[in-house]
Amino acid sequence: MNIVFIGYRCSGKTIVGREIAQRLNRLFVDVDDLLESEAGRFIEDLVKEQGWDCFRELEKKVIAGISGRDGLVIATGGGAVTNEENVRLLREKGFIIWLKAGPEILKQRMGRDQSEGKKRPSLTGQDPVAEIKMMLNQRAPLYEQASDLVVDTGRWSISETVEKIMTMIPPG
């Protein structure tokens, strides 16, 4: 069984996923990192040069490639749930955890990422908070439908979030 993290940008999928993988002595796979490696460029550049449709197709290919494996901890991209095939594949061998946080917290975390040099291309070209609210409204039902467990990362520290998840994931 894989442990799969879904959720919006900066919800904690990578940092929590890495810690869970370490605790469980499992391989951690970040779909966005794998995608960048396969594309040979950063997501921001890929989207700028070839658009979001190209990105989503490559994301689908990466998810298809890893979802058949077993015993992984996987952090998906925030929009992976917008493709039903991605969700179906991840669910086949995965326990899916939706990490969520409110728009203001997500904006703060994105700002911190930007200051550390991690760029995230705009999804809509809108103000960041307006974009977050709009995208959360669109994606929340998809996250909810896909998830086996929901954890609000805005309520706890990283270590508290990890502890909470460790008590709730099924064995194996």
Protein backbone atom coordinates (compact mmCIF):
# COMPACT_ATOMS: atom_id res chain seq x y z
CA MET A 1 0.00 0.00 0.00
CA ASN A 2 1.16 3.52 -0.85
CA ILE A 3 0.53 6.58 1.30
CA VAL A 4 -0.57 9.36 -1.07
CA PHE A 5 -0.78 13.04 -0.16
CA ILE A 6 -3.10 15.35 -2.08
CA GLY A 7 -3.97 18.98 -1.48
CA TYR A 8 -3.42 22.50 -2.69
CA ARG A 9 -0.01 24.09 -3.14
CA CYS A 10 1.84 24.63 0.13
CA SER A 11 -0.53 22.45 2.12
CA GLY A 12 2.44 20.42 3.38
CA LYS A 13 2.43 17.40 1.06
CA THR A 14 6.18 17.33 0.49
CA ILE A 15 7.45 18.17 3.97
CA VAL A 16 4.94 15.91 5.74
CA GLY A 17 5.36 13.19 3.12
CA ARG A 18 9.14 13.15 3.55
CA GLU A 19 8.81 12.83 7.32
CA ILE A 20 6.20 10.05 7.05
CA ALA A 21 8.42 8.19 4.55
CA GLN A 22 11.38 8.46 6.90
CA ARG A 23 9.34 7.21 9.86
CA LEU A 24 8.00 4.26 7.85
CA ASN A 25 11.37 3.58 6.17
CA ARG A 26 9.79 3.97 2.73
CA LEU A 27 10.82 5.68 -0.48
CA PHE A 28 9.40 9.20 -0.87
CA VAL A 29 8.33 10.32 -4.35
CA ASP A 30 7.37 13.90 -5.15
CA VAL A 31 5.41 13.89 -8.41
CA ASP A 32 6.43 17.48 -9.24
CA ASP A 33 10.14 16.69 -8.73
CA LEU A 34 9.86 13.57 -10.88
CA LEU A 35 7.98 15.54 -13.52
CA GLU A 36 10.68 18.22 -13.61
CA SER A 37 13.33 15.54 -13.92
CA GLU A 38 11.52 13.87 -16.83
CA ALA A 39 10.81 17.20 -18.54
CA GLY A 40 14.36 18.42 -18.05
CA ARG A 41 13.14 21.79 -16.80
CA PHE A 42 11.34 23.51 -13.97
CA ILE A 43 7.53 23.39 -13.93
CA GLU A 44 7.39 27.16 -14.26
CA ASP A 45 9.42 26.98 -17.49
CA LEU A 46 7.44 24.04 -18.84
CA VAL A 47 4.14 25.84 -18.25
CA LYS A 48 5.51 29.08 -19.73
CA GLU A 49 6.80 27.33 -22.85
CA GLN A 50 4.17 24.64 -23.43
CA GLY A 51 1.18 25.48 -21.24
CA TRP A 52 -0.80 23.82 -18.49
CA ASP A 53 -2.24 21.14 -20.79
CA CYS A 54 1.25 19.84 -21.54
CA PHE A 55 2.05 19.89 -17.82
CA ARG A 56 -1.11 17.93 -16.97
CA GLU A 57 -0.33 15.29 -19.61
CA LEU A 58 3.18 14.82 -18.25
CA GLU A 59 1.80 14.70 -14.70
CA LYS A 60 -0.63 11.96 -15.79
CA LYS A 61 2.25 9.97 -17.29
CA VAL A 62 4.33 10.29 -14.11
CA ILE A 63 1.42 9.23 -11.89
CA ALA A 64 0.69 6.25 -14.15
CA GLY A 65 4.33 5.23 -13.83
CA ILE A 66 4.53 5.34 -10.03
CA SER A 67 1.02 4.39 -8.97
CA GLY A 68 1.52 0.72 -9.82
CA ARG A 69 4.39 0.42 -7.38
CA ASP A 70 3.84 -0.49 -3.77
CA GLY A 71 5.18 0.78 -0.45
CA LEU A 72 5.81 4.38 -1.53
CA VAL A 73 4.94 7.68 0.09
CA ILE A 74 3.78 9.97 -2.72
CA ALA A 75 3.24 13.73 -2.77
CA THR A 76 1.13 14.72 -5.76
CA GLY A 77 0.86 18.10 -7.41
CA GLY A 78 -2.06 20.22 -6.24
CA GLY A 79 -4.07 19.67 -9.42
CA ALA A 80 -3.52 15.93 -9.80
CA VAL A 81 -7.07 15.29 -8.57
CA THR A 82 -8.52 17.19 -11.52
CA ASN A 83 -7.89 14.08 -13.63
CA GLU A 84 -10.14 11.14 -12.75
CA GLU A 85 -7.62 8.64 -14.12
CA ASN A 86 -4.95 9.97 -11.74
CA VAL A 87 -7.26 9.48 -8.78
CA ARG A 88 -8.28 6.00 -9.91
CA LEU A 89 -4.66 4.91 -10.32
CA LEU A 90 -3.53 6.40 -7.01
CA ARG A 91 -6.47 4.81 -5.19
CA GLU A 92 -5.74 1.29 -6.51
CA LYS A 93 -2.74 0.83 -4.22
CA GLY A 94 -2.99 3.93 -2.09
CA PHE A 95 -4.35 5.35 1.12
CA ILE A 96 -5.05 8.98 0.16
CA ILE A 97 -4.61 11.80 2.66
CA TRP A 98 -5.88 15.29 1.88
CA LEU A 99 -3.73 17.91 3.57
CA LYS A 100 -5.60 21.17 3.68
CA ALA A 101 -5.15 24.68 5.04
CA GLY A 102 -6.97 27.98 4.74
CA PRO A 103 -6.22 30.55 2.00
CA GLU A 104 -4.30 32.96 4.27
CA ILE A 105 -2.03 30.21 5.58
CA LEU A 106 -1.40 28.93 2.05
CA LYS A 107 -0.55 32.46 0.90
CA GLN A 108 1.94 32.87 3.77
CA ARG A 109 3.58 29.57 2.91
CA MET A 110 3.77 30.49 -0.79
CA GLY A 111 5.40 33.77 0.14
CA ARG A 112 7.97 31.90 2.21
CA ASP A 113 8.64 29.56 -0.71
CA GLN A 114 9.07 32.53 -3.07
CA SER A 115 11.59 34.13 -0.71
CA GLU A 116 13.52 30.83 -0.72
CA GLY A 117 13.60 30.83 -4.53
CA LYS A 118 10.85 28.28 -5.25
CA LYS A 119 8.64 29.67 -7.97
CA ARG A 120 5.08 28.55 -8.51
CA PRO A 121 3.42 29.62 -11.73
CA SER A 122 0.06 31.33 -11.40
CA LEU A 123 -2.87 29.16 -12.29
CA THR A 124 -5.18 32.03 -13.20
CA GLY A 125 -3.16 35.26 -13.28
CA GLN A 126 -5.22 36.62 -10.37
CA ASP A 127 -4.18 38.03 -7.01
CA PRO A 128 -2.74 35.11 -4.98
CA VAL A 129 -5.47 35.04 -2.31
CA ALA A 130 -8.24 35.35 -4.92
CA GLU A 131 -6.61 32.57 -6.93
CA ILE A 132 -6.27 30.33 -3.87
CA LYS A 133 -9.91 30.85 -2.89
CA MET A 134 -11.15 30.20 -6.42
CA MET A 135 -9.03 27.07 -6.88
CA LEU A 136 -9.95 25.71 -3.44
CA ASN A 137 -13.63 26.18 -4.26
CA GLN A 138 -13.14 24.21 -7.48
CA ARG A 139 -10.90 21.50 -6.07
CA ALA A 140 -12.23 20.94 -2.54
CA PRO A 141 -14.97 18.56 -3.73
CA LEU A 142 -12.38 16.62 -5.73
CA TYR A 143 -9.98 16.42 -2.77
CA GLU A 144 -12.85 15.34 -0.53
CA GLN A 145 -14.04 12.66 -2.93
CA ALA A 146 -10.54 11.26 -3.47
CA SER A 147 -9.41 11.20 0.16
CA ASP A 148 -9.52 8.50 2.80
CA LEU A 149 -8.37 10.92 5.50
CA VAL A 150 -8.44 14.73 5.83
CA VAL A 151 -5.88 16.58 7.95
CA ASP A 152 -5.89 20.35 8.44
CA THR A 153 -2.22 21.39 8.40
CA GLY A 154 -3.15 24.93 9.39
CA ARG A 155 -4.05 23.71 12.87
CA TRP A 156 -0.81 21.95 13.84
CA SER A 157 2.94 22.16 13.45
CA ILE A 158 4.66 19.80 11.02
CA SER A 159 5.63 17.41 13.81
CA GLU A 160 2.09 17.45 15.26
CA THR A 161 0.65 16.79 11.80
CA VAL A 162 3.04 13.88 11.28
CA GLU A 163 2.17 12.41 14.69
CA LYS A 164 -1.55 12.68 13.95
CA ILE A 165 -1.16 10.97 10.58
CA MET A 166 1.04 8.21 11.99
CA THR A 167 -1.78 7.22 14.34
CA MET A 168 -4.36 7.17 11.55
CA ILE A 169 -2.74 5.39 8.64
CA PRO A 170 -3.58 1.72 8.23
CA PRO A 171 -0.79 -0.80 8.80
CA GLY A 172 1.03 -2.22 5.81
